[in-house]
Amino acid sequence: MPLRQRFKISPTSRGAIFKLKRWFYLNFFSKASAEVREQNRQAWLELSRKLIDELNKRGASDKPARITLEYEKGINNEFIPVAATIELMEIKPLEVITVELRKVGGAKT
């Protein structure tokens, strides 16, 4: 059964991939033996390449995004990505509220 890691929303999809990269290197690169490390690195490169290609096709590299990764973890801490879901967001104001602190203009003396 695949494991799932869901990340917080990032201001850009490039930032979301960077969060994913930091998580990967912390969990599957720094703690692995040399031969597993290279295997994990190749899996990461393939995953990141596919994510970047998909985002570039849609012109969405500067849009807010959240990534959810489904993966499997091998016996020797091997990283086996299964699927990645990219949620593209849109930041727009819902309502504009102006709070006046003092009146401007005709003040009496």
C-alpha atoms as a PDB file:
ATOM      1  CA  MET A   1       0.000   0.000   0.000  1.00  0.00           C
ATOM      2  CA  PRO A   2       1.510   3.345  -1.033  1.00  0.00           C
ATOM      3  CA  LEU A   3       2.349   5.984   1.534  1.00  0.00           C
ATOM      4  CA  ARG A   4       1.128   9.544   1.014  1.00  0.00           C
ATOM      5  CA  GLN A   5       2.842  12.875   1.733  1.00  0.00           C
ATOM      6  CA  ARG A   6       0.841  16.059   1.268  1.00  0.00           C
ATOM      7  CA  PHE A   7       2.662  19.375   1.357  1.00  0.00           C
ATOM      8  CA  LYS A   8       1.458  22.861   2.262  1.00  0.00           C
ATOM      9  CA  ILE A   9       0.396  25.289  -0.454  1.00  0.00           C
ATOM     10  CA  SER A  10       3.364  27.122  -1.978  1.00  0.00           C
ATOM     11  CA  PRO A  11       3.220  30.580  -3.611  1.00  0.00           C
ATOM     12  CA  THR A  12       4.559  29.063  -6.868  1.00  0.00           C
ATOM     13  CA  SER A  13       4.663  25.558  -8.268  1.00  0.00           C
ATOM     14  CA  ARG A  14       8.458  25.874  -8.447  1.00  0.00           C
ATOM     15  CA  GLY A  15       8.400  26.424  -4.683  1.00  0.00           C
ATOM     16  CA  ALA A  16       6.192  23.335  -4.265  1.00  0.00           C
ATOM     17  CA  ILE A  17       8.741  21.232  -6.145  1.00  0.00           C
ATOM     18  CA  PHE A  18      11.506  22.710  -3.974  1.00  0.00           C
ATOM     19  CA  LYS A  19       9.617  21.616  -0.824  1.00  0.00           C
ATOM     20  CA  LEU A  20       9.280  18.154  -2.305  1.00  0.00           C
ATOM     21  CA  LYS A  21      13.005  18.109  -3.099  1.00  0.00           C
ATOM     22  CA  ARG A  22      13.993  19.065   0.458  1.00  0.00           C
ATOM     23  CA  TRP A  23      11.687  16.379   1.855  1.00  0.00           C
ATOM     24  CA  PHE A  24      13.159  13.767  -0.516  1.00  0.00           C
ATOM     25  CA  TYR A  25      16.784  14.551   0.321  1.00  0.00           C
ATOM     26  CA  LEU A  26      16.050  14.517   4.057  1.00  0.00           C
ATOM     27  CA  ASN A  27      14.220  11.180   4.016  1.00  0.00           C
ATOM     28  CA  PHE A  28      15.698   9.145   1.168  1.00  0.00           C
ATOM     29  CA  PHE A  29      19.139  10.509   0.357  1.00  0.00           C
ATOM     30  CA  SER A  30      20.978  11.456   3.529  1.00  0.00           C
ATOM     31  CA  LYS A  31      19.970   8.267   5.379  1.00  0.00           C
ATOM     32  CA  ALA A  32      20.686   5.764   2.581  1.00  0.00           C
ATOM     33  CA  SER A  33      23.722   3.659   1.706  1.00  0.00           C
ATOM     34  CA  ALA A  34      25.786   4.609  -1.350  1.00  0.00           C
ATOM     35  CA  GLU A  35      24.182   2.188  -3.832  1.00  0.00           C
ATOM     36  CA  VAL A  36      20.635   2.928  -2.657  1.00  0.00           C
ATOM     37  CA  ARG A  37      21.439   6.652  -2.655  1.00  0.00           C
ATOM     38  CA  GLU A  38      22.209   6.617  -6.385  1.00  0.00           C
ATOM     39  CA  GLN A  39      19.090   4.573  -7.134  1.00  0.00           C
ATOM     40  CA  ASN A  40      16.956   7.011  -5.120  1.00  0.00           C
ATOM     41  CA  ARG A  41      18.583   9.971  -6.850  1.00  0.00           C
ATOM     42  CA  GLN A  42      17.679   8.565 -10.271  1.00  0.00           C
ATOM     43  CA  ALA A  43      14.065   8.013  -9.138  1.00  0.00           C
ATOM     44  CA  TRP A  44      13.944  11.617  -7.878  1.00  0.00           C
ATOM     45  CA  LEU A  45      15.354  12.995 -11.135  1.00  0.00           C
ATOM     46  CA  GLU A  46      12.750  11.115 -13.174  1.00  0.00           C
ATOM     47  CA  LEU A  47       9.921  12.304 -10.906  1.00  0.00           C
ATOM     48  CA  SER A  48      11.039  15.945 -10.878  1.00  0.00           C
ATOM     49  CA  ARG A  49      11.562  15.943 -14.651  1.00  0.00           C
ATOM     50  CA  LYS A  50       7.997  14.715 -15.209  1.00  0.00           C
ATOM     51  CA  LEU A  51       6.543  17.261 -12.773  1.00  0.00           C
ATOM     52  CA  ILE A  52       8.423  20.153 -14.390  1.00  0.00           C
ATOM     53  CA  ASP A  53       7.437  19.046 -17.916  1.00  0.00           C
ATOM     54  CA  GLU A  54       3.770  18.845 -16.933  1.00  0.00           C
ATOM     55  CA  LEU A  55       3.826  22.290 -15.300  1.00  0.00           C
ATOM     56  CA  ASN A  56       5.637  23.832 -18.270  1.00  0.00           C
ATOM     57  CA  LYS A  57       3.035  22.387 -20.680  1.00  0.00           C
ATOM     58  CA  ARG A  58       0.345  24.245 -18.746  1.00  0.00           C
ATOM     59  CA  GLY A  59       2.383  27.430 -18.212  1.00  0.00           C
ATOM     60  CA  ALA A  60       1.815  27.056 -14.480  1.00  0.00           C
ATOM     61  CA  SER A  61       5.283  27.469 -12.992  1.00  0.00           C
ATOM     62  CA  ASP A  62       4.317  30.757 -11.304  1.00  0.00           C
ATOM     63  CA  LYS A  63       0.903  29.704 -10.005  1.00  0.00           C
ATOM     64  CA  PRO A  64       0.330  28.691  -6.375  1.00  0.00           C
ATOM     65  CA  ALA A  65       0.335  24.923  -5.959  1.00  0.00           C
ATOM     66  CA  ARG A  66       0.246  22.011  -3.556  1.00  0.00           C
ATOM     67  CA  ILE A  67       1.783  18.606  -4.274  1.00  0.00           C
ATOM     68  CA  THR A  68       0.591  15.287  -2.902  1.00  0.00           C
ATOM     69  CA  LEU A  69       3.024  12.419  -3.428  1.00  0.00           C
ATOM     70  CA  GLU A  70       2.178   8.737  -3.284  1.00  0.00           C
ATOM     71  CA  TYR A  71       5.220   6.527  -2.889  1.00  0.00           C
ATOM     72  CA  GLU A  72       6.492   3.228  -1.577  1.00  0.00           C
ATOM     73  CA  LYS A  73       9.441   2.699   0.695  1.00  0.00           C
ATOM     74  CA  GLY A  74      11.643  -0.337   0.061  1.00  0.00           C
ATOM     75  CA  ILE A  75      13.342  -2.540   2.644  1.00  0.00           C
ATOM     76  CA  ASN A  76      16.645  -0.666   2.309  1.00  0.00           C
ATOM     77  CA  ASN A  77      14.958   2.766   2.256  1.00  0.00           C
ATOM     78  CA  GLU A  78      14.469   2.736  -1.510  1.00  0.00           C
ATOM     79  CA  PHE A  79      12.293   5.544  -2.864  1.00  0.00           C
ATOM     80  CA  ILE A  80       9.648   4.284  -5.279  1.00  0.00           C
ATOM     81  CA  PRO A  81       7.334   7.090  -6.470  1.00  0.00           C
ATOM     82  CA  VAL A  82       3.873   5.878  -7.517  1.00  0.00           C
ATOM     83  CA  ALA A  83       1.983   9.085  -8.378  1.00  0.00           C
ATOM     84  CA  ALA A  84       2.090  12.815  -7.782  1.00  0.00           C
ATOM     85  CA  THR A  85      -0.922  15.117  -7.737  1.00  0.00           C
ATOM     86  CA  ILE A  86      -0.398  18.822  -8.361  1.00  0.00           C
ATOM     87  CA  GLU A  87      -3.200  21.115  -7.239  1.00  0.00           C
ATOM     88  CA  LEU A  88      -2.917  24.466  -9.003  1.00  0.00           C
ATOM     89  CA  MET A  89      -4.477  27.343  -7.094  1.00  0.00           C
ATOM     90  CA  GLU A  90      -5.525  30.880  -7.860  1.00  0.00           C
ATOM     91  CA  ILE A  91      -5.058  33.715  -5.424  1.00  0.00           C
ATOM     92  CA  LYS A  92      -7.654  36.414  -5.837  1.00  0.00           C
ATOM     93  CA  PRO A  93      -9.265  38.775  -3.356  1.00  0.00           C
ATOM     94  CA  LEU A  94     -12.664  37.672  -2.082  1.00  0.00           C
ATOM     95  CA  GLU A  95     -13.613  41.040  -0.617  1.00  0.00           C
ATOM     96  CA  VAL A  96     -11.923  44.385  -0.083  1.00  0.00           C
ATOM     97  CA  ILE A  97     -12.421  45.936   3.358  1.00  0.00           C
ATOM     98  CA  THR A  98     -11.268  49.471   4.210  1.00  0.00           C
ATOM     99  CA  VAL A  99     -11.003  50.436   7.866  1.00  0.00           C
ATOM    100  CA  GLU A 100     -10.786  54.197   8.463  1.00  0.00           C
ATOM    101  CA  LEU A 101      -8.781  55.281  11.495  1.00  0.00           C
ATOM    102  CA  ARG A 102      -9.289  59.028  11.175  1.00  0.00           C
ATOM    103  CA  LYS A 103     -11.042  61.423   8.892  1.00  0.00           C
ATOM    104  CA  VAL A 104      -9.006  63.144   6.257  1.00  0.00           C
ATOM    105  CA  GLY A 105      -9.618  66.770   5.245  1.00  0.00           C
ATOM    106  CA  GLY A 106     -11.751  69.528   6.916  1.00  0.00           C
ATOM    107  CA  ALA A 107     -10.647  69.281  10.533  1.00  0.00           C
ATOM    108  CA  LYS A 108     -11.977  72.153  12.711  1.00  0.00           C
ATOM    109  CA  THR A 109      -9.621  74.096  14.971  1.00  0.00           C
END
